[in-house]
PDB file of all heavy atoms in Angstrom:
ATOM      1  N   GLN A   1       1.796   4.977  -8.327  1.00  0.00           N
ATOM      2  CA  GLN A   1       0.739   4.989  -9.339  1.00  0.00           C
ATOM      3  C   GLN A   1      -0.608   5.322  -8.711  1.00  0.00           C
ATOM      4  O   GLN A   1      -1.408   6.085  -9.275  1.00  0.00           O
ATOM      5  CB  GLN A   1       0.665   3.636 -10.032  1.00  0.00           C
ATOM      6  CG  GLN A   1      -0.406   3.533 -11.104  1.00  0.00           C
ATOM      7  CD  GLN A   1      -0.185   4.513 -12.236  1.00  0.00           C
ATOM      8  OE1 GLN A   1       0.794   4.406 -12.960  1.00  0.00           O
ATOM      9  NE2 GLN A   1      -1.087   5.479 -12.391  1.00  0.00           N
ATOM     10  N   VAL A   2      -0.853   4.782  -7.531  1.00  0.00           N
ATOM     11  CA  VAL A   2      -2.089   5.089  -6.810  1.00  0.00           C
ATOM     12  C   VAL A   2      -2.181   6.599  -6.554  1.00  0.00           C
ATOM     13  O   VAL A   2      -3.243   7.211  -6.714  1.00  0.00           O
ATOM     14  CB  VAL A   2      -2.154   4.305  -5.490  1.00  0.00           C
ATOM     15  CG1 VAL A   2      -3.251   4.840  -4.571  1.00  0.00           C
ATOM     16  CG2 VAL A   2      -2.378   2.821  -5.771  1.00  0.00           C
ATOM     17  N   GLY A   3      -1.068   7.196  -6.152  1.00  0.00           N
ATOM     18  CA  GLY A   3      -1.049   8.629  -5.916  1.00  0.00           C
ATOM     19  C   GLY A   3      -1.367   9.418  -7.174  1.00  0.00           C
ATOM     20  O   GLY A   3      -2.081  10.439  -7.121  1.00  0.00           O
ATOM     21  N   GLU A   4      -0.872   8.962  -8.310  1.00  0.00           N
ATOM     22  CA  GLU A   4      -1.153   9.647  -9.572  1.00  0.00           C
ATOM     23  C   GLU A   4      -2.628   9.521  -9.938  1.00  0.00           C
ATOM     24  O   GLU A   4      -3.238  10.483 -10.434  1.00  0.00           O
ATOM     25  CB  GLU A   4      -0.282   9.072 -10.687  1.00  0.00           C
ATOM     26  CG  GLU A   4       1.191   9.426 -10.550  1.00  0.00           C
ATOM     27  CD  GLU A   4       2.014   8.873 -11.696  1.00  0.00           C
ATOM     28  OE1 GLU A   4       1.406   8.453 -12.710  1.00  0.00           O
ATOM     29  OE2 GLU A   4       3.252   8.859 -11.580  1.00  0.00           O
ATOM     30  N   TRP A   5      -3.212   8.349  -9.695  1.00  0.00           N
ATOM     31  CA  TRP A   5      -4.647   8.178  -9.982  1.00  0.00           C
ATOM     32  C   TRP A   5      -5.489   9.114  -9.123  1.00  0.00           C
ATOM     33  O   TRP A   5      -6.455   9.682  -9.592  1.00  0.00           O
ATOM     34  CB  TRP A   5      -5.053   6.726  -9.748  1.00  0.00           C
ATOM     35  CG  TRP A   5      -4.630   5.810 -10.860  1.00  0.00           C
ATOM     36  CD1 TRP A   5      -4.442   6.136 -12.169  1.00  0.00           C
ATOM     37  CD2 TRP A   5      -4.365   4.413 -10.755  1.00  0.00           C
ATOM     38  NE1 TRP A   5      -4.062   5.027 -12.890  1.00  0.00           N
ATOM     39  CE2 TRP A   5      -4.008   3.955 -12.056  1.00  0.00           C
ATOM     40  CE3 TRP A   5      -4.387   3.487  -9.711  1.00  0.00           C
ATOM     41  CZ2 TRP A   5      -3.692   2.621 -12.317  1.00  0.00           C
ATOM     42  CZ3 TRP A   5      -4.076   2.164  -9.962  1.00  0.00           C
ATOM     43  CH2 TRP A   5      -3.729   1.734 -11.252  1.00  0.00           C
ATOM     44  N   TRP A   6      -5.102   9.259  -7.846  1.00  0.00           N
ATOM     45  CA  TRP A   6      -5.829  10.194  -6.988  1.00  0.00           C
ATOM     46  C   TRP A   6      -5.651  11.621  -7.488  1.00  0.00           C
ATOM     47  O   TRP A   6      -6.620  12.391  -7.553  1.00  0.00           O
ATOM     48  CB  TRP A   6      -5.332  10.094  -5.545  1.00  0.00           C
ATOM     49  CG  TRP A   6      -5.924  11.179  -4.702  1.00  0.00           C
ATOM     50  CD1 TRP A   6      -7.141  11.177  -4.081  1.00  0.00           C
ATOM     51  CD2 TRP A   6      -5.345  12.472  -4.446  1.00  0.00           C
ATOM     52  NE1 TRP A   6      -7.361  12.386  -3.456  1.00  0.00           N
ATOM     53  CE2 TRP A   6      -6.284  13.195  -3.661  1.00  0.00           C
ATOM     54  CE3 TRP A   6      -4.139  13.080  -4.793  1.00  0.00           C
ATOM     55  CZ2 TRP A   6      -6.023  14.490  -3.223  1.00  0.00           C
ATOM     56  CZ3 TRP A   6      -3.889  14.375  -4.365  1.00  0.00           C
ATOM     57  CH2 TRP A   6      -4.826  15.060  -3.582  1.00  0.00           C
ATOM     58  N   GLN A   7      -4.422  11.976  -7.860  1.00  0.00           N
ATOM     59  CA  GLN A   7      -4.146  13.338  -8.320  1.00  0.00           C
ATOM     60  C   GLN A   7      -4.975  13.678  -9.546  1.00  0.00           C
ATOM     61  O   GLN A   7      -5.463  14.813  -9.677  1.00  0.00           O
ATOM     62  CB  GLN A   7      -2.657  13.482  -8.633  1.00  0.00           C
ATOM     63  CG  GLN A   7      -2.248  14.873  -9.095  1.00  0.00           C
ATOM     64  CD  GLN A   7      -0.741  15.000  -9.259  1.00  0.00           C
ATOM     65  OE1 GLN A   7       0.023  14.389  -8.519  1.00  0.00           O
ATOM     66  NE2 GLN A   7      -0.312  15.784 -10.224  1.00  0.00           N
ATOM     67  N   ARG A   8      -5.175  12.710 -10.437  1.00  0.00           N
ATOM     68  CA  ARG A   8      -5.956  12.957 -11.655  1.00  0.00           C
ATOM     69  C   ARG A   8      -7.460  12.778 -11.434  1.00  0.00           C
ATOM     70  O   ARG A   8      -8.238  12.815 -12.385  1.00  0.00           O
ATOM     71  CB  ARG A   8      -5.470  12.028 -12.777  1.00  0.00           C
ATOM     72  CG  ARG A   8      -4.025  12.233 -13.179  1.00  0.00           C
ATOM     73  CD  ARG A   8      -3.743  11.610 -14.536  1.00  0.00           C
ATOM     74  NE  ARG A   8      -3.972  10.172 -14.554  1.00  0.00           N
ATOM     75  CZ  ARG A   8      -3.004   9.246 -14.443  1.00  0.00           C
ATOM     76  NH1 ARG A   8      -1.740   9.632 -14.308  1.00  0.00           N
ATOM     77  NH2 ARG A   8      -3.290   7.967 -14.491  1.00  0.00           N
ATOM     78  N   ASN A   9      -7.858  12.550 -10.194  1.00  0.00           N
ATOM     79  CA  ASN A   9      -9.265  12.365  -9.822  1.00  0.00           C
ATOM     80  C   ASN A   9      -9.867  11.111 -10.437  1.00  0.00           C
ATOM     81  O   ASN A   9     -11.084  11.008 -10.620  1.00  0.00           O
ATOM     82  CB  ASN A   9     -10.105  13.595 -10.232  1.00  0.00           C
ATOM     83  CG  ASN A   9     -11.383  13.703  -9.416  1.00  0.00           C
ATOM     84  OD1 ASN A   9     -11.453  13.278  -8.270  1.00  0.00           O
ATOM     85  ND2 ASN A   9     -12.415  14.253 -10.019  1.00  0.00           N
ATOM     86  N   GLU A  10      -9.004  10.135 -10.747  1.00  0.00           N
ATOM     87  CA  GLU A  10      -9.486   8.859 -11.246  1.00  0.00           C
ATOM     88  C   GLU A  10      -9.807   7.909 -10.097  1.00  0.00           C
ATOM     89  O   GLU A  10     -10.578   6.959 -10.278  1.00  0.00           O
ATOM     90  CB  GLU A  10      -8.435   8.243 -12.173  1.00  0.00           C
ATOM     91  CG  GLU A  10      -8.184   9.073 -13.430  1.00  0.00           C
ATOM     92  CD  GLU A  10      -7.046   8.537 -14.263  1.00  0.00           C
ATOM     93  OE1 GLU A  10      -6.619   7.379 -14.034  1.00  0.00           O
ATOM     94  OE2 GLU A  10      -6.554   9.270 -15.148  1.00  0.00           O
ATOM     95  N   TRP A  11      -9.204   8.170  -8.948  1.00  0.00           N
ATOM     96  CA  TRP A  11      -9.496   7.406  -7.733  1.00  0.00           C
ATOM     97  C   TRP A  11      -9.930   8.363  -6.639  1.00  0.00           C
ATOM     98  O   TRP A  11      -9.439   9.504  -6.557  1.00  0.00           O
ATOM     99  CB  TRP A  11      -8.248   6.647  -7.269  1.00  0.00           C
ATOM    100  CG  TRP A  11      -8.084   5.299  -7.891  1.00  0.00           C
ATOM    101  CD1 TRP A  11      -8.508   4.898  -9.118  1.00  0.00           C
ATOM    102  CD2 TRP A  11      -7.429   4.171  -7.292  1.00  0.00           C
ATOM    103  NE1 TRP A  11      -8.150   3.591  -9.343  1.00  0.00           N
ATOM    104  CE2 TRP A  11      -7.491   3.118  -8.240  1.00  0.00           C
ATOM    105  CE3 TRP A  11      -6.789   3.948  -6.089  1.00  0.00           C
ATOM    106  CZ2 TRP A  11      -6.939   1.865  -7.985  1.00  0.00           C
ATOM    107  CZ3 TRP A  11      -6.239   2.705  -5.833  1.00  0.00           C
ATOM    108  CH2 TRP A  11      -6.328   1.668  -6.775  1.00  0.00           C
ATOM    109  N   SER A  12     -10.819   7.870  -5.782  1.00  0.00           N
ATOM    110  CA  SER A  12     -11.253   8.667  -4.638  1.00  0.00           C
ATOM    111  C   SER A  12     -10.256   8.530  -3.491  1.00  0.00           C
ATOM    112  O   SER A  12      -9.369   7.659  -3.509  1.00  0.00           O
ATOM    113  CB  SER A  12     -12.627   8.200  -4.166  1.00  0.00           C
ATOM    114  OG  SER A  12     -12.530   6.886  -3.597  1.00  0.00           O
ATOM    115  N   VAL A  13     -10.427   9.370  -2.476  1.00  0.00           N
ATOM    116  CA  VAL A  13      -9.603   9.258  -1.278  1.00  0.00           C
ATOM    117  C   VAL A  13      -9.798   7.885  -0.633  1.00  0.00           C
ATOM    118  O   VAL A  13      -8.845   7.262  -0.151  1.00  0.00           O
ATOM    119  CB  VAL A  13      -9.950  10.380  -0.280  1.00  0.00           C
ATOM    120  CG1 VAL A  13      -9.260  10.156   1.060  1.00  0.00           C
ATOM    121  CG2 VAL A  13      -9.555  11.736  -0.847  1.00  0.00           C
ATOM    122  N   ALA A  14     -11.040   7.387  -0.630  1.00  0.00           N
ATOM    123  CA  ALA A  14     -11.314   6.081  -0.036  1.00  0.00           C
ATOM    124  C   ALA A  14     -10.549   4.978  -0.756  1.00  0.00           C
ATOM    125  O   ALA A  14      -9.979   4.076  -0.116  1.00  0.00           O
ATOM    126  CB  ALA A  14     -12.815   5.802  -0.063  1.00  0.00           C
ATOM    127  N   GLN A  15     -10.531   5.024  -2.085  1.00  0.00           N
ATOM    128  CA  GLN A  15      -9.781   4.013  -2.841  1.00  0.00           C
ATOM    129  C   GLN A  15      -8.290   4.101  -2.538  1.00  0.00           C
ATOM    130  O   GLN A  15      -7.617   3.071  -2.393  1.00  0.00           O
ATOM    131  CB  GLN A  15     -10.020   4.202  -4.342  1.00  0.00           C
ATOM    132  CG  GLN A  15     -11.397   3.790  -4.820  1.00  0.00           C
ATOM    133  CD  GLN A  15     -11.605   4.140  -6.277  1.00  0.00           C
ATOM    134  OE1 GLN A  15     -11.657   5.321  -6.655  1.00  0.00           O
ATOM    135  NE2 GLN A  15     -11.703   3.127  -7.124  1.00  0.00           N
ATOM    136  N   GLU A  16      -7.778   5.329  -2.457  1.00  0.00           N
ATOM    137  CA  GLU A  16      -6.354   5.502  -2.161  1.00  0.00           C
ATOM    138  C   GLU A  16      -6.023   4.961  -0.777  1.00  0.00           C
ATOM    139  O   GLU A  16      -5.001   4.285  -0.587  1.00  0.00           O
ATOM    140  CB  GLU A  16      -6.003   6.990  -2.269  1.00  0.00           C
ATOM    141  CG  GLU A  16      -4.522   7.302  -2.083  1.00  0.00           C
ATOM    142  CD  GLU A  16      -4.151   7.524  -0.638  1.00  0.00           C
ATOM    143  OE1 GLU A  16      -5.027   7.950   0.136  1.00  0.00           O
ATOM    144  OE2 GLU A  16      -2.986   7.254  -0.261  1.00  0.00           O
ATOM    145  N   HIS A  17      -6.881   5.218   0.195  1.00  0.00           N
ATOM    146  CA  HIS A  17      -6.635   4.723   1.551  1.00  0.00           C
ATOM    147  C   HIS A  17      -6.689   3.202   1.599  1.00  0.00           C
ATOM    148  O   HIS A  17      -5.877   2.565   2.290  1.00  0.00           O
ATOM    149  CB  HIS A  17      -7.665   5.311   2.512  1.00  0.00           C
ATOM    150  CG  HIS A  17      -7.388   6.738   2.860  1.00  0.00           C
ATOM    151  ND1 HIS A  17      -8.106   7.429   3.809  1.00  0.00           N
ATOM    152  CD2 HIS A  17      -6.472   7.620   2.385  1.00  0.00           C
ATOM    153  CE1 HIS A  17      -7.642   8.663   3.913  1.00  0.00           C
ATOM    154  NE2 HIS A  17      -6.652   8.800   3.045  1.00  0.00           N
ATOM    155  N   ALA A  18      -7.650   2.606   0.882  1.00  0.00           N
ATOM    156  CA  ALA A  18      -7.758   1.151   0.853  1.00  0.00           C
ATOM    157  C   ALA A  18      -6.509   0.531   0.240  1.00  0.00           C
ATOM    158  O   ALA A  18      -5.973  -0.467   0.746  1.00  0.00           O
ATOM    159  CB  ALA A  18      -8.999   0.728   0.074  1.00  0.00           C
ATOM    160  N   ALA A  19      -6.029   1.118  -0.856  1.00  0.00           N
ATOM    161  CA  ALA A  19      -4.823   0.602  -1.514  1.00  0.00           C
ATOM    162  C   ALA A  19      -3.606   0.727  -0.607  1.00  0.00           C
ATOM    163  O   ALA A  19      -2.774  -0.183  -0.538  1.00  0.00           O
ATOM    164  CB  ALA A  19      -4.589   1.347  -2.824  1.00  0.00           C
ATOM    165  N   THR A  20      -3.493   1.848   0.095  1.00  0.00           N
ATOM    166  CA  THR A  20      -2.366   2.041   1.009  1.00  0.00           C
ATOM    167  C   THR A  20      -2.396   1.009   2.123  1.00  0.00           C
ATOM    168  O   THR A  20      -1.360   0.442   2.491  1.00  0.00           O
ATOM    169  CB  THR A  20      -2.400   3.458   1.599  1.00  0.00           C
ATOM    170  OG1 THR A  20      -2.304   4.415   0.539  1.00  0.00           O
ATOM    171  CG2 THR A  20      -1.245   3.668   2.566  1.00  0.00           C
ATOM    172  N   HIS A  21      -3.568   0.752   2.656  1.00  0.00           N
ATOM    173  CA  HIS A  21      -3.693  -0.268   3.702  1.00  0.00           C
ATOM    174  C   HIS A  21      -3.241  -1.632   3.184  1.00  0.00           C
ATOM    175  O   HIS A  21      -2.512  -2.367   3.879  1.00  0.00           O
ATOM    176  CB  HIS A  21      -5.135  -0.347   4.190  1.00  0.00           C
ATOM    177  CG  HIS A  21      -5.416  -1.557   5.028  1.00  0.00           C
ATOM    178  ND1 HIS A  21      -4.984  -1.681   6.331  1.00  0.00           N
ATOM    179  CD2 HIS A  21      -6.049  -2.732   4.730  1.00  0.00           C
ATOM    180  CE1 HIS A  21      -5.345  -2.854   6.810  1.00  0.00           C
ATOM    181  NE2 HIS A  21      -5.995  -3.511   5.862  1.00  0.00           N
ATOM    182  N   ILE A  22      -3.646  -1.974   1.974  1.00  0.00           N
ATOM    183  CA  ILE A  22      -3.260  -3.270   1.413  1.00  0.00           C
ATOM    184  C   ILE A  22      -1.751  -3.349   1.234  1.00  0.00           C
ATOM    185  O   ILE A  22      -1.127  -4.377   1.569  1.00  0.00           O
ATOM    186  CB  ILE A  22      -3.989  -3.512   0.081  1.00  0.00           C
ATOM    187  CG1 ILE A  22      -5.480  -3.732   0.337  1.00  0.00           C
ATOM    188  CG2 ILE A  22      -3.396  -4.707  -0.665  1.00  0.00           C
ATOM    189  CD1 ILE A  22      -6.327  -3.747  -0.917  1.00  0.00           C
ATOM    190  N   SER A  23      -1.150  -2.293   0.726  1.00  0.00           N
ATOM    191  CA  SER A  23       0.304  -2.304   0.556  1.00  0.00           C
ATOM    192  C   SER A  23       1.017  -2.407   1.902  1.00  0.00           C
ATOM    193  O   SER A  23       2.049  -3.084   2.015  1.00  0.00           O
ATOM    194  CB  SER A  23       0.758  -1.045  -0.197  1.00  0.00           C
ATOM    195  OG  SER A  23       0.402  -1.127  -1.562  1.00  0.00           O
ATOM    196  N   GLU A  24       0.478  -1.778   2.918  1.00  0.00           N
ATOM    197  CA  GLU A  24       1.069  -1.914   4.252  1.00  0.00           C
ATOM    198  C   GLU A  24       0.989  -3.354   4.739  1.00  0.00           C
ATOM    199  O   GLU A  24       1.921  -3.865   5.367  1.00  0.00           O
ATOM    200  CB  GLU A  24       0.350  -0.979   5.231  1.00  0.00           C
ATOM    201  CG  GLU A  24       0.685   0.495   5.006  1.00  0.00           C
ATOM    202  CD  GLU A  24      -0.166   1.421   5.842  1.00  0.00           C
ATOM    203  OE1 GLU A  24      -1.226   0.970   6.342  1.00  0.00           O
ATOM    204  OE2 GLU A  24       0.219   2.603   5.996  1.00  0.00           O
ATOM    205  N   ARG A  25      -0.127  -4.007   4.450  1.00  0.00           N
ATOM    206  CA  ARG A  25      -0.279  -5.421   4.832  1.00  0.00           C
ATOM    207  C   ARG A  25       0.694  -6.309   4.047  1.00  0.00           C
ATOM    208  O   ARG A  25       1.232  -7.283   4.577  1.00  0.00           O
ATOM    209  CB  ARG A  25      -1.715  -5.865   4.589  1.00  0.00           C
ATOM    210  CG  ARG A  25      -2.734  -5.178   5.484  1.00  0.00           C
ATOM    211  CD  ARG A  25      -2.703  -5.749   6.875  1.00  0.00           C
ATOM    212  NE  ARG A  25      -3.212  -7.117   6.872  1.00  0.00           N
ATOM    213  CZ  ARG A  25      -2.927  -8.023   7.793  1.00  0.00           C
ATOM    214  NH1 ARG A  25      -2.111  -7.716   8.785  1.00  0.00           N
ATOM    215  NH2 ARG A  25      -3.441  -9.237   7.724  1.00  0.00           N
ATOM    216  N   VAL A  26       0.926  -5.967   2.794  1.00  0.00           N
ATOM    217  CA  VAL A  26       1.891  -6.726   1.986  1.00  0.00           C
ATOM    218  C   VAL A  26       3.298  -6.565   2.554  1.00  0.00           C
ATOM    219  O   VAL A  26       4.048  -7.539   2.678  1.00  0.00           O
ATOM    220  CB  VAL A  26       1.832  -6.271   0.514  1.00  0.00           C
ATOM    221  CG1 VAL A  26       3.000  -6.849  -0.276  1.00  0.00           C
ATOM    222  CG2 VAL A  26       0.516  -6.678  -0.118  1.00  0.00           C
ATOM    223  N   VAL A  27       3.667  -5.340   2.908  1.00  0.00           N
ATOM    224  CA  VAL A  27       4.979  -5.103   3.506  1.00  0.00           C
ATOM    225  C   VAL A  27       5.129  -5.911   4.794  1.00  0.00           C
ATOM    226  O   VAL A  27       6.170  -6.529   5.041  1.00  0.00           O
ATOM    227  CB  VAL A  27       5.182  -3.605   3.787  1.00  0.00           C
ATOM    228  CG1 VAL A  27       6.474  -3.372   4.561  1.00  0.00           C
ATOM    229  CG2 VAL A  27       5.214  -2.818   2.482  1.00  0.00           C
ATOM    230  N   ALA A  28       4.084  -5.924   5.606  1.00  0.00           N
ATOM    231  CA  ALA A  28       4.130  -6.687   6.857  1.00  0.00           C
ATOM    232  C   ALA A  28       4.277  -8.178   6.582  1.00  0.00           C
ATOM    233  O   ALA A  28       5.023  -8.877   7.295  1.00  0.00           O
ATOM    234  CB  ALA A  28       2.868  -6.414   7.669  1.00  0.00           C
ATOM    235  N   ALA A  29       3.594  -8.677   5.556  1.00  0.00           N
ATOM    236  CA  ALA A  29       3.684 -10.105   5.223  1.00  0.00           C
ATOM    237  C   ALA A  29       5.083 -10.474   4.754  1.00  0.00           C
ATOM    238  O   ALA A  29       5.631 -11.510   5.143  1.00  0.00           O
ATOM    239  CB  ALA A  29       2.648 -10.449   4.152  1.00  0.00           C
ATOM    240  N   VAL A  30       5.671  -9.632   3.919  1.00  0.00           N
ATOM    241  CA  VAL A  30       7.037  -9.884   3.447  1.00  0.00           C
ATOM    242  C   VAL A  30       8.005  -9.847   4.621  1.00  0.00           C
ATOM    243  O   VAL A  30       8.886 -10.712   4.756  1.00  0.00           O
ATOM    244  CB  VAL A  30       7.438  -8.851   2.378  1.00  0.00           C
ATOM    245  CG1 VAL A  30       8.933  -8.970   2.045  1.00  0.00           C
ATOM    246  CG2 VAL A  30       6.606  -9.035   1.114  1.00  0.00           C
ATOM    247  N   ALA A  31       7.842  -8.871   5.497  1.00  0.00           N
ATOM    248  CA  ALA A  31       8.741  -8.736   6.647  1.00  0.00           C
ATOM    249  C   ALA A  31       8.652  -9.936   7.588  1.00  0.00           C
ATOM    250  O   ALA A  31       9.667 -10.396   8.119  1.00  0.00           O
ATOM    251  CB  ALA A  31       8.421  -7.447   7.400  1.00  0.00           C
ATOM    252  N   SER A  32       7.451 -10.430   7.806  1.00  0.00           N
ATOM    253  CA  SER A  32       7.294 -11.565   8.723  1.00  0.00           C
ATOM    254  C   SER A  32       7.754 -12.872   8.098  1.00  0.00           C
ATOM    255  O   SER A  32       8.140 -13.806   8.809  1.00  0.00           O
ATOM    256  CB  SER A  32       5.826 -11.683   9.154  1.00  0.00           C
ATOM    257  OG  SER A  32       4.989 -11.958   8.040  1.00  0.00           O
ATOM    258  N   THR A  33       7.746 -12.952   6.766  1.00  0.00           N
ATOM    259  CA  THR A  33       8.181 -14.167   6.079  1.00  0.00           C
ATOM    260  C   THR A  33       9.700 -14.251   6.020  1.00  0.00           C
ATOM    261  O   THR A  33      10.283 -15.342   6.147  1.00  0.00           O
ATOM    262  CB  THR A  33       7.599 -14.198   4.653  1.00  0.00           C
ATOM    263  OG1 THR A  33       6.177 -14.168   4.729  1.00  0.00           O
ATOM    264  CG2 THR A  33       8.047 -15.464   3.922  1.00  0.00           C
ATOM    265  N   VAL A  34      10.344 -13.102   5.823  1.00  0.00           N
ATOM    266  CA  VAL A  34      11.808 -13.061   5.692  1.00  0.00           C
ATOM    267  C   VAL A  34      12.378 -12.399   6.949  1.00  0.00           C
ATOM    268  O   VAL A  34      12.394 -11.181   7.066  1.00  0.00           O
ATOM    269  CB  VAL A  34      12.235 -12.283   4.435  1.00  0.00           C
ATOM    270  CG1 VAL A  34      13.744 -12.322   4.282  1.00  0.00           C
ATOM    271  CG2 VAL A  34      11.539 -12.833   3.207  1.00  0.00           C
ATOM    272  N   ARG A  35      12.838 -13.197   7.879  1.00  0.00           N
ATOM    273  CA  ARG A  35      13.384 -12.667   9.130  1.00  0.00           C
ATOM    274  C   ARG A  35      14.891 -12.919   9.152  1.00  0.00           C
ATOM    275  O   ARG A  35      15.343 -14.057   9.066  1.00  0.00           O
ATOM    276  CB  ARG A  35      12.712 -13.331  10.327  1.00  0.00           C
ATOM    277  CG  ARG A  35      11.201 -13.130  10.366  1.00  0.00           C
ATOM    278  CD  ARG A  35      10.575 -13.786  11.573  1.00  0.00           C
ATOM    279  NE  ARG A  35      11.068 -13.199  12.811  1.00  0.00           N
ATOM    280  CZ  ARG A  35      10.753 -13.668  14.027  1.00  0.00           C
ATOM    281  NH1 ARG A  35       9.977 -14.739  14.142  1.00  0.00           N
ATOM    282  NH2 ARG A  35      11.230 -13.078  15.104  1.00  0.00           N
ATOM    283  N   ARG A  36      15.647 -11.825   9.256  1.00  0.00           N
ATOM    284  CA  ARG A  36      17.108 -11.940   9.260  1.00  0.00           C
ATOM    285  C   ARG A  36      17.661 -11.394  10.571  1.00  0.00           C
ATOM    286  O   ARG A  36      17.244 -10.321  11.028  1.00  0.00           O
ATOM    287  CB  ARG A  36      17.706 -11.171   8.076  1.00  0.00           C
ATOM    288  CG  ARG A  36      17.341 -11.805   6.735  1.00  0.00           C
ATOM    289  CD  ARG A  36      17.877 -11.024   5.550  1.00  0.00           C
ATOM    290  NE  ARG A  36      17.484 -11.653   4.293  1.00  0.00           N
ATOM    291  CZ  ARG A  36      17.648 -11.116   3.097  1.00  0.00           C
ATOM    292  NH1 ARG A  36      18.210  -9.909   2.994  1.00  0.00           N
ATOM    293  NH2 ARG A  36      17.272 -11.758   2.014  1.00  0.00           N
ATOM    294  N   LYS A  37      18.602 -12.122  11.142  1.00  0.00           N
ATOM    295  CA  LYS A  37      19.199 -11.685  12.399  1.00  0.00           C
ATOM    296  C   LYS A  37      20.068 -10.457  12.148  1.00  0.00           C
ATOM    297  O   LYS A  37      20.893 -10.439  11.237  1.00  0.00           O
ATOM    298  CB  LYS A  37      20.048 -12.812  12.987  1.00  0.00           C
ATOM    299  CG  LYS A  37      20.573 -12.506  14.382  1.00  0.00           C
ATOM    300  CD  LYS A  37      21.288 -13.707  14.954  1.00  0.00           C
ATOM    301  CE  LYS A  37      21.805 -13.408  16.361  1.00  0.00           C
ATOM    302  NZ  LYS A  37      22.500 -14.576  16.951  1.00  0.00           N
ATOM    303  N   PRO A  38      19.893  -9.406  12.954  1.00  0.00           N
ATOM    304  CA  PRO A  38      20.689  -8.185  12.735  1.00  0.00           C
ATOM    305  C   PRO A  38      22.183  -8.453  12.884  1.00  0.00           C
ATOM    306  O   PRO A  38      22.618  -9.167  13.785  1.00  0.00           O
ATOM    307  CB  PRO A  38      20.190  -7.238  13.836  1.00  0.00           C
ATOM    308  CG  PRO A  38      18.850  -7.751  14.212  1.00  0.00           C
ATOM    309  CD  PRO A  38      18.929  -9.244  14.046  1.00  0.00           C
TER     310      PRO A  38
END
């Protein structure tokens, strides 16, 4: 959805980058919370 907002010029590149960073942090938080032995 963030990508679509950027494509339609509703979000700036800066907003898209900030959102991507936050999602990366969320992925890292989920990964560190749920640790499964391979």
